[in-house]
Amino acid sequence: MFNLGFPYAKGEGLIKDLVEAHAWWNVASALGHDGAKENMSIVEKDMTREQIAEATKLAKERYAKIKKE
């Protein structure tokens, strides 16, 4: 989950999408990955409140799905 945030944050091989990057790092953080919160803080500087809210919603949905599996 942690590594999935980087391509979205940098636009490497994908269209740059800070919402996706934040969402994946949020999931990684919830799963206990060190460094994910720091990365979230970095991208939040370039995000609106609405984008952060959207990313949080996505992360919650993904985390719930992962926990079911």
Protein backbone atom coordinates (compact mmCIF):
# COMPACT_ATOMS: atom_id res chain seq x y z
CA MET A 1 0.00 0.00 0.00
CA PHE A 2 2.82 2.35 0.92
CA ASN A 3 4.55 2.06 -2.45
CA LEU A 4 1.31 2.60 -4.38
CA GLY A 5 1.26 6.24 -3.28
CA PHE A 6 4.52 7.23 -4.96
CA PRO A 7 3.55 6.85 -8.65
CA TYR A 8 0.40 8.89 -8.03
CA ALA A 9 2.25 11.56 -6.08
CA LYS A 10 4.94 11.95 -8.73
CA GLY A 11 2.95 11.17 -11.84
CA GLU A 12 5.32 8.36 -12.79
CA GLY A 13 3.62 6.06 -15.26
CA LEU A 14 0.26 7.43 -14.14
CA ILE A 15 -1.47 10.76 -14.17
CA LYS A 16 -0.44 12.68 -11.06
CA ASP A 17 -3.24 12.32 -8.52
CA LEU A 18 -2.64 13.51 -4.98
CA VAL A 19 -6.02 12.19 -3.84
CA GLU A 20 -5.00 8.65 -4.83
CA ALA A 21 -1.54 9.05 -3.31
CA HIS A 22 -3.00 10.32 -0.03
CA ALA A 23 -5.60 7.54 0.03
CA TRP A 24 -3.01 4.78 -0.41
CA TRP A 25 -0.73 6.28 2.21
CA ASN A 26 -3.70 6.59 4.56
CA VAL A 27 -4.38 2.86 4.17
CA ALA A 28 -0.69 2.09 4.67
CA SER A 29 -0.69 4.19 7.82
CA ALA A 30 -3.74 2.35 9.15
CA LEU A 31 -1.88 -0.91 8.53
CA GLY A 32 1.05 0.38 10.58
CA HIS A 33 3.53 1.42 7.89
CA ASP A 34 6.05 3.91 9.23
CA GLY A 35 6.48 6.92 6.99
CA ALA A 36 3.01 6.89 5.48
CA LYS A 37 1.74 9.69 7.72
CA GLU A 38 4.76 11.82 6.83
CA ASN A 39 4.05 11.35 3.12
CA MET A 40 0.40 12.25 3.67
CA SER A 41 1.47 15.47 5.41
CA ILE A 42 3.72 16.37 2.50
CA VAL A 43 1.05 15.98 -0.19
CA GLU A 44 -1.61 17.67 1.97
CA LYS A 45 0.28 20.94 1.48
CA ASP A 46 -0.78 20.85 -2.19
CA MET A 47 -4.35 19.62 -1.60
CA THR A 48 -7.62 21.35 -0.85
CA ARG A 49 -9.78 20.35 2.12
CA GLU A 50 -12.21 18.76 -0.32
CA GLN A 51 -9.44 16.65 -1.84
CA ILE A 52 -8.28 15.50 1.59
CA ALA A 53 -11.86 14.58 2.50
CA GLU A 54 -12.22 12.61 -0.76
CA ALA A 55 -8.92 10.82 -0.13
CA THR A 56 -9.99 9.95 3.42
CA LYS A 57 -13.27 8.51 2.14
CA LEU A 58 -11.44 6.39 -0.44
CA ALA A 59 -8.99 5.18 2.19
CA LYS A 60 -11.77 4.12 4.54
CA GLU A 61 -13.46 2.16 1.77
CA ARG A 62 -10.20 0.45 0.77
CA TYR A 63 -9.24 -0.32 4.34
CA ALA A 64 -12.65 -1.90 5.02
CA LYS A 65 -12.31 -4.05 1.90
CA ILE A 66 -8.80 -5.16 2.87
CA LYS A 67 -9.91 -6.06 6.38
CA LYS A 68 -12.74 -8.22 5.00
CA GLU A 69 -10.28 -10.27 2.94
